[in-house]
Amino acid sequence: MDLSIISESFGQDRRDWLGSAHGTDAPRSITVDLSKGFVSGTHYPAGFLKSGLPLGKVTASGKYGLYDDAASDGRQTLVGFLFTPVDLRKNSTATAALGASILLHCFIAEAKLPVAVDANGKADVAGRIIFV
């Protein structure tokens, strides 16, 4: 994993899924496991994981994958939302471990999320994440 500092800019990322700026000053660094639920045409059609994707933490590895209420590896519990897009153009193999950031406390404009979150996911983050 490359831990060197890299500066990138993204011109097409939509952050209209954020209900407000509340919580955006305190995202946490995480590692995303691309093999855990992410689908090329849906979650990264342009070579970037979209910000606003719901994430769950894989119990065995401590890495994060796409939230899936039907999973049994830890991702069945919604933890937070991907804060910034992740560039996959350099390394998009299924075994890639990618640095990212997650919002754990925020307001979400639910209708603007790139994928829907079910009632169980909302219950997982109740009190920390408010859906408007």
N, C-alpha and C. Protein backbone atom coordinates (compact mmCIF):
# COMPACT_ATOMS: atom_id res chain seq x y z
N MET A 1 0.84 -1.16 0.00
CA MET A 1 0.00 0.00 0.00
C MET A 1 0.89 1.23 0.00
N ASP A 2 0.61 2.15 -0.89
CA ASP A 2 1.36 3.40 -1.01
C ASP A 2 0.82 4.41 0.00
N LEU A 3 1.65 4.80 0.97
CA LEU A 3 1.22 5.75 1.99
C LEU A 3 1.78 7.15 1.77
N SER A 4 2.36 7.39 0.60
CA SER A 4 2.90 8.72 0.33
C SER A 4 1.77 9.72 0.12
N ILE A 5 2.06 10.99 0.36
CA ILE A 5 1.06 12.04 0.21
C ILE A 5 0.81 12.30 -1.27
N ILE A 6 -0.46 12.28 -1.65
CA ILE A 6 -0.85 12.51 -3.03
C ILE A 6 -1.94 13.57 -3.03
N SER A 7 -1.80 14.54 -3.88
CA SER A 7 -2.82 15.58 -4.02
C SER A 7 -3.61 15.33 -5.29
N GLU A 8 -4.94 15.26 -5.17
CA GLU A 8 -5.80 15.01 -6.31
C GLU A 8 -6.98 15.97 -6.28
N SER A 9 -7.52 16.25 -7.42
CA SER A 9 -8.75 17.03 -7.47
C SER A 9 -9.75 16.30 -8.35
N PHE A 10 -11.01 16.40 -7.99
CA PHE A 10 -12.08 15.72 -8.69
C PHE A 10 -13.10 16.76 -9.11
N GLY A 11 -13.32 16.90 -10.38
CA GLY A 11 -14.24 17.90 -10.87
C GLY A 11 -15.68 17.44 -10.95
N GLN A 12 -15.95 16.15 -10.91
CA GLN A 12 -17.31 15.66 -11.13
C GLN A 12 -17.96 15.03 -9.90
N ASP A 13 -17.32 15.11 -8.75
CA ASP A 13 -17.92 14.51 -7.56
C ASP A 13 -19.11 15.33 -7.10
N ARG A 14 -20.21 14.65 -6.82
CA ARG A 14 -21.42 15.29 -6.31
C ARG A 14 -21.48 15.09 -4.81
N ARG A 15 -21.63 16.17 -4.08
CA ARG A 15 -21.79 16.07 -2.64
C ARG A 15 -23.16 16.57 -2.21
N ASP A 16 -24.12 16.55 -3.14
CA ASP A 16 -25.46 17.01 -2.79
C ASP A 16 -26.16 16.03 -1.86
N TRP A 17 -25.57 14.87 -1.61
CA TRP A 17 -26.12 13.91 -0.67
C TRP A 17 -25.90 14.35 0.78
N LEU A 18 -25.02 15.33 0.97
CA LEU A 18 -24.81 15.87 2.32
C LEU A 18 -25.96 16.81 2.66
N GLY A 19 -26.60 16.59 3.78
CA GLY A 19 -27.70 17.43 4.21
C GLY A 19 -27.24 18.77 4.76
N SER A 20 -25.97 18.83 5.21
CA SER A 20 -25.37 20.06 5.70
C SER A 20 -23.87 19.81 5.82
N ALA A 21 -23.15 20.83 6.27
CA ALA A 21 -21.70 20.68 6.45
C ALA A 21 -21.38 20.04 7.80
N HIS A 22 -22.38 19.81 8.62
CA HIS A 22 -22.18 19.22 9.95
C HIS A 22 -21.47 17.88 9.83
N GLY A 23 -20.38 17.73 10.54
CA GLY A 23 -19.63 16.48 10.56
C GLY A 23 -18.54 16.36 9.51
N THR A 24 -18.57 17.24 8.52
CA THR A 24 -17.58 17.14 7.44
C THR A 24 -16.20 17.60 7.86
N ASP A 25 -16.10 18.19 9.04
CA ASP A 25 -14.80 18.63 9.54
C ASP A 25 -14.06 17.51 10.28
N ALA A 26 -14.69 16.35 10.41
CA ALA A 26 -14.08 15.27 11.18
C ALA A 26 -14.21 13.90 10.53
N PRO A 27 -13.91 13.75 9.23
CA PRO A 27 -13.94 12.40 8.64
C PRO A 27 -12.79 11.57 9.20
N ARG A 28 -12.94 10.25 9.17
CA ARG A 28 -11.89 9.35 9.65
C ARG A 28 -11.28 8.62 8.48
N SER A 29 -9.99 8.33 8.58
CA SER A 29 -9.29 7.57 7.55
C SER A 29 -9.62 6.09 7.70
N ILE A 30 -9.83 5.44 6.57
CA ILE A 30 -10.14 4.01 6.55
C ILE A 30 -9.45 3.37 5.35
N THR A 31 -9.53 2.04 5.31
CA THR A 31 -9.09 1.28 4.14
C THR A 31 -10.30 0.56 3.56
N VAL A 32 -10.51 0.75 2.27
CA VAL A 32 -11.63 0.13 1.57
C VAL A 32 -11.15 -1.14 0.87
N ASP A 33 -11.92 -2.22 1.00
CA ASP A 33 -11.65 -3.47 0.31
C ASP A 33 -12.58 -3.55 -0.89
N LEU A 34 -12.04 -3.35 -2.06
CA LEU A 34 -12.83 -3.28 -3.29
C LEU A 34 -13.59 -4.58 -3.58
N SER A 35 -13.13 -5.69 -3.03
CA SER A 35 -13.79 -6.98 -3.29
C SER A 35 -15.03 -7.18 -2.45
N LYS A 36 -15.36 -6.25 -1.58
CA LYS A 36 -16.49 -6.41 -0.67
C LYS A 36 -17.72 -5.62 -1.11
N GLY A 37 -18.35 -6.09 -2.18
CA GLY A 37 -19.65 -5.59 -2.60
C GLY A 37 -19.67 -4.53 -3.67
N PHE A 38 -18.54 -3.95 -4.00
CA PHE A 38 -18.53 -2.88 -5.00
C PHE A 38 -18.60 -3.47 -6.41
N VAL A 39 -19.44 -2.87 -7.26
CA VAL A 39 -19.65 -3.33 -8.63
C VAL A 39 -19.22 -2.22 -9.59
N SER A 40 -18.40 -2.58 -10.57
CA SER A 40 -17.80 -1.62 -11.48
C SER A 40 -18.80 -0.65 -12.11
N GLY A 41 -19.80 -1.12 -12.78
CA GLY A 41 -20.71 -0.24 -13.49
C GLY A 41 -21.63 0.57 -12.60
N THR A 42 -21.82 0.13 -11.37
CA THR A 42 -22.74 0.79 -10.45
C THR A 42 -22.04 1.74 -9.49
N HIS A 43 -21.00 1.27 -8.83
CA HIS A 43 -20.37 2.05 -7.76
C HIS A 43 -19.14 2.82 -8.20
N TYR A 44 -18.56 2.44 -9.32
CA TYR A 44 -17.43 3.21 -9.86
C TYR A 44 -17.42 3.18 -11.39
N PRO A 45 -18.48 3.74 -11.99
CA PRO A 45 -18.60 3.70 -13.45
C PRO A 45 -17.54 4.53 -14.19
N ALA A 46 -17.00 5.55 -13.56
CA ALA A 46 -16.03 6.42 -14.23
C ALA A 46 -14.62 6.23 -13.68
N GLY A 47 -14.38 5.14 -12.96
CA GLY A 47 -13.06 4.90 -12.40
C GLY A 47 -12.86 5.46 -11.00
N PHE A 48 -13.95 5.91 -10.36
CA PHE A 48 -13.90 6.45 -9.01
C PHE A 48 -15.04 5.86 -8.20
N LEU A 49 -14.74 5.43 -6.97
CA LEU A 49 -15.83 5.09 -6.06
C LEU A 49 -16.54 6.40 -5.74
N LYS A 50 -17.86 6.41 -5.83
CA LYS A 50 -18.62 7.63 -5.59
C LYS A 50 -18.68 7.98 -4.11
N SER A 51 -18.55 9.26 -3.80
CA SER A 51 -18.77 9.67 -2.42
C SER A 51 -20.24 9.45 -2.09
N GLY A 52 -20.53 9.20 -0.82
CA GLY A 52 -21.90 8.95 -0.39
C GLY A 52 -22.28 7.49 -0.35
N LEU A 53 -21.37 6.59 -0.73
CA LEU A 53 -21.68 5.16 -0.66
C LEU A 53 -21.73 4.72 0.81
N PRO A 54 -22.74 3.94 1.20
CA PRO A 54 -22.83 3.45 2.57
C PRO A 54 -21.81 2.33 2.81
N LEU A 55 -21.15 2.37 3.96
CA LEU A 55 -20.08 1.43 4.24
C LEU A 55 -20.31 0.64 5.52
N GLY A 56 -19.86 -0.60 5.51
CA GLY A 56 -19.84 -1.45 6.69
C GLY A 56 -18.42 -1.95 6.90
N LYS A 57 -18.09 -2.29 8.12
CA LYS A 57 -16.74 -2.73 8.46
C LYS A 57 -16.65 -4.25 8.47
N VAL A 58 -15.73 -4.79 7.69
CA VAL A 58 -15.52 -6.25 7.62
C VAL A 58 -14.85 -6.67 8.92
N THR A 59 -15.48 -7.56 9.65
CA THR A 59 -15.01 -7.96 10.96
C THR A 59 -13.62 -8.59 10.92
N ALA A 60 -13.37 -9.49 9.98
CA ALA A 60 -12.11 -10.23 9.94
C ALA A 60 -10.91 -9.36 9.59
N SER A 61 -11.08 -8.38 8.71
CA SER A 61 -9.94 -7.60 8.24
C SER A 61 -9.86 -6.20 8.81
N GLY A 62 -10.99 -5.65 9.28
CA GLY A 62 -11.03 -4.27 9.74
C GLY A 62 -11.13 -3.27 8.61
N LYS A 63 -11.19 -3.77 7.37
CA LYS A 63 -11.37 -2.90 6.21
C LYS A 63 -12.86 -2.67 5.98
N TYR A 64 -13.18 -1.76 5.08
CA TYR A 64 -14.57 -1.39 4.84
C TYR A 64 -15.01 -1.82 3.44
N GLY A 65 -16.26 -2.26 3.37
CA GLY A 65 -16.87 -2.63 2.11
C GLY A 65 -18.22 -1.98 2.01
N LEU A 66 -18.90 -2.21 0.91
CA LEU A 66 -20.22 -1.65 0.71
C LEU A 66 -21.20 -2.26 1.71
N TYR A 67 -21.98 -1.43 2.38
CA TYR A 67 -23.00 -1.91 3.31
C TYR A 67 -23.95 -2.84 2.58
N ASP A 68 -24.26 -3.97 3.22
CA ASP A 68 -25.19 -4.95 2.65
C ASP A 68 -25.87 -5.66 3.81
N ASP A 69 -27.14 -5.38 4.03
CA ASP A 69 -27.87 -5.95 5.16
C ASP A 69 -27.91 -7.48 5.12
N ALA A 70 -27.72 -8.07 3.94
CA ALA A 70 -27.75 -9.53 3.81
C ALA A 70 -26.36 -10.17 4.00
N ALA A 71 -25.32 -9.36 4.17
CA ALA A 71 -23.97 -9.90 4.35
C ALA A 71 -23.85 -10.54 5.74
N SER A 72 -22.79 -11.31 5.93
CA SER A 72 -22.55 -11.93 7.24
C SER A 72 -21.10 -11.75 7.67
N ASP A 73 -20.42 -10.78 7.06
CA ASP A 73 -19.01 -10.56 7.36
C ASP A 73 -18.75 -9.26 8.13
N GLY A 74 -19.81 -8.63 8.62
CA GLY A 74 -19.70 -7.36 9.32
C GLY A 74 -20.32 -6.21 8.54
N ARG A 75 -20.38 -6.35 7.22
CA ARG A 75 -20.94 -5.28 6.38
C ARG A 75 -22.45 -5.16 6.51
N GLN A 76 -23.08 -6.07 7.25
CA GLN A 76 -24.51 -5.98 7.47
C GLN A 76 -24.87 -4.88 8.47
N THR A 77 -23.87 -4.26 9.06
CA THR A 77 -24.07 -3.14 9.97
C THR A 77 -23.53 -1.88 9.30
N LEU A 78 -24.40 -0.92 9.04
CA LEU A 78 -23.98 0.34 8.45
C LEU A 78 -23.17 1.11 9.49
N VAL A 79 -22.00 1.60 9.06
CA VAL A 79 -21.12 2.36 9.94
C VAL A 79 -21.11 3.83 9.58
N GLY A 80 -21.03 4.14 8.28
CA GLY A 80 -20.96 5.52 7.83
C GLY A 80 -20.97 5.59 6.32
N PHE A 81 -20.59 6.77 5.79
CA PHE A 81 -20.65 7.01 4.35
C PHE A 81 -19.29 7.47 3.82
N LEU A 82 -18.95 6.97 2.64
CA LEU A 82 -17.71 7.38 1.98
C LEU A 82 -17.76 8.88 1.76
N PHE A 83 -16.78 9.61 2.30
CA PHE A 83 -16.79 11.07 2.24
C PHE A 83 -16.23 11.62 0.94
N THR A 84 -15.14 11.06 0.48
CA THR A 84 -14.52 11.55 -0.75
C THR A 84 -14.44 10.41 -1.76
N PRO A 85 -14.48 10.73 -3.04
CA PRO A 85 -14.35 9.66 -4.04
C PRO A 85 -12.96 9.03 -3.97
N VAL A 86 -12.87 7.79 -4.41
CA VAL A 86 -11.60 7.06 -4.41
C VAL A 86 -11.24 6.73 -5.86
N ASP A 87 -10.05 7.15 -6.26
CA ASP A 87 -9.56 6.94 -7.63
C ASP A 87 -9.11 5.49 -7.79
N LEU A 88 -9.74 4.78 -8.70
CA LEU A 88 -9.41 3.37 -8.95
C LEU A 88 -8.64 3.18 -10.24
N ARG A 89 -8.34 4.25 -10.92
CA ARG A 89 -7.69 4.13 -12.22
C ARG A 89 -6.28 3.55 -12.11
N LYS A 90 -5.61 3.75 -10.99
CA LYS A 90 -4.25 3.24 -10.82
C LYS A 90 -4.24 1.80 -10.30
N ASN A 91 -5.23 1.46 -9.48
CA ASN A 91 -5.25 0.14 -8.87
C ASN A 91 -6.69 -0.27 -8.60
N SER A 92 -7.28 -1.01 -9.51
CA SER A 92 -8.67 -1.42 -9.32
C SER A 92 -8.81 -2.94 -9.27
N THR A 93 -7.76 -3.63 -8.86
CA THR A 93 -7.86 -5.08 -8.74
C THR A 93 -8.75 -5.44 -7.57
N ALA A 94 -9.31 -6.61 -7.59
CA ALA A 94 -10.22 -7.05 -6.54
C ALA A 94 -9.53 -7.13 -5.18
N THR A 95 -8.22 -7.26 -5.16
CA THR A 95 -7.50 -7.36 -3.89
C THR A 95 -6.96 -6.02 -3.42
N ALA A 96 -7.29 -4.96 -4.13
CA ALA A 96 -6.75 -3.64 -3.79
C ALA A 96 -7.26 -3.17 -2.43
N ALA A 97 -6.35 -2.66 -1.62
CA ALA A 97 -6.68 -2.01 -0.36
C ALA A 97 -6.47 -0.52 -0.59
N LEU A 98 -7.53 0.24 -0.52
CA LEU A 98 -7.49 1.64 -0.92
C LEU A 98 -7.77 2.57 0.25
N GLY A 99 -6.94 3.59 0.39
CA GLY A 99 -7.15 4.59 1.42
C GLY A 99 -8.36 5.44 1.09
N ALA A 100 -9.15 5.79 2.09
CA ALA A 100 -10.37 6.57 1.89
C ALA A 100 -10.71 7.29 3.19
N SER A 101 -11.84 8.00 3.18
CA SER A 101 -12.32 8.65 4.39
C SER A 101 -13.81 8.38 4.55
N ILE A 102 -14.25 8.32 5.81
CA ILE A 102 -15.63 7.98 6.13
C ILE A 102 -16.22 9.04 7.05
N LEU A 103 -17.49 9.36 6.82
CA LEU A 103 -18.23 10.23 7.73
C LEU A 103 -19.02 9.34 8.69
N LEU A 104 -18.85 9.58 9.98
CA LEU A 104 -19.51 8.77 10.99
C LEU A 104 -20.65 9.52 11.68
N HIS A 105 -20.69 10.84 11.51
CA HIS A 105 -21.68 11.70 12.17
C HIS A 105 -22.02 12.83 11.20
N CYS A 106 -23.25 12.84 10.69
CA CYS A 106 -23.59 13.85 9.68
C CYS A 106 -25.09 13.84 9.40
N PHE A 107 -25.49 14.78 8.55
CA PHE A 107 -26.84 14.83 8.00
C PHE A 107 -26.77 14.34 6.56
N ILE A 108 -27.71 13.51 6.15
CA ILE A 108 -27.72 12.92 4.81
C ILE A 108 -29.01 13.29 4.09
N ALA A 109 -28.88 13.83 2.88
CA ALA A 109 -30.04 14.05 2.01
C ALA A 109 -30.31 12.72 1.32
N GLU A 110 -31.17 11.94 1.93
CA GLU A 110 -31.38 10.55 1.53
C GLU A 110 -31.69 10.37 0.05
N ALA A 111 -32.49 11.22 -0.52
CA ALA A 111 -32.89 11.09 -1.92
C ALA A 111 -31.72 11.29 -2.88
N LYS A 112 -30.63 11.86 -2.42
CA LYS A 112 -29.49 12.16 -3.28
C LYS A 112 -28.36 11.13 -3.17
N LEU A 113 -28.50 10.13 -2.29
CA LEU A 113 -27.45 9.11 -2.15
C LEU A 113 -27.28 8.33 -3.45
N PRO A 114 -26.06 7.87 -3.75
CA PRO A 114 -25.86 7.09 -4.97
C PRO A 114 -26.53 5.72 -4.93
N VAL A 115 -26.75 5.17 -3.74
CA VAL A 115 -27.50 3.92 -3.55
C VAL A 115 -28.39 4.08 -2.32
N ALA A 116 -29.51 3.39 -2.31
CA ALA A 116 -30.46 3.50 -1.20
C ALA A 116 -29.95 2.78 0.05
N VAL A 117 -30.41 3.25 1.19
CA VAL A 117 -30.12 2.61 2.48
C VAL A 117 -31.43 2.12 3.06
N ASP A 118 -31.45 0.87 3.50
CA ASP A 118 -32.68 0.28 4.03
C ASP A 118 -32.91 0.70 5.49
N ALA A 119 -34.07 0.30 6.01
CA ALA A 119 -34.45 0.66 7.38
C ALA A 119 -33.47 0.11 8.42
N ASN A 120 -32.94 -1.09 8.20
CA ASN A 120 -31.98 -1.66 9.14
C ASN A 120 -30.69 -0.84 9.19
N GLY A 121 -30.24 -0.38 8.03
CA GLY A 121 -29.04 0.46 7.98
C GLY A 121 -29.27 1.76 8.72
N LYS A 122 -30.42 2.36 8.52
CA LYS A 122 -30.75 3.62 9.22
C LYS A 122 -30.78 3.40 10.72
N ALA A 123 -31.31 2.26 11.15
CA ALA A 123 -31.35 1.95 12.58
C ALA A 123 -29.93 1.78 13.14
N ASP A 124 -29.02 1.23 12.34
CA ASP A 124 -27.63 1.03 12.79
C ASP A 124 -26.95 2.33 13.16
N VAL A 125 -27.28 3.42 12.45
CA VAL A 125 -26.59 4.70 12.67
C VAL A 125 -27.49 5.74 13.36
N ALA A 126 -28.63 5.31 13.86
CA ALA A 126 -29.56 6.23 14.51
C ALA A 126 -28.87 7.00 15.63
N GLY A 127 -29.07 8.30 15.63
CA GLY A 127 -28.45 9.16 16.63
C GLY A 127 -27.15 9.77 16.18
N ARG A 128 -26.47 9.12 15.24
CA ARG A 128 -25.21 9.65 14.70
C ARG A 128 -25.40 10.26 13.33
N ILE A 129 -26.24 9.64 12.54
CA ILE A 129 -26.48 10.11 11.18
C ILE A 129 -27.98 10.37 11.05
N ILE A 130 -28.31 11.57 10.62
CA ILE A 130 -29.70 11.99 10.48
C ILE A 130 -30.04 12.03 9.00
N PHE A 131 -31.10 11.34 8.61
CA PHE A 131 -31.56 11.32 7.22
C PHE A 131 -32.65 12.38 7.06
N VAL A 132 -32.43 13.28 6.10
CA VAL A 132 -33.41 14.35 5.86
C VAL A 132 -33.97 14.23 4.46
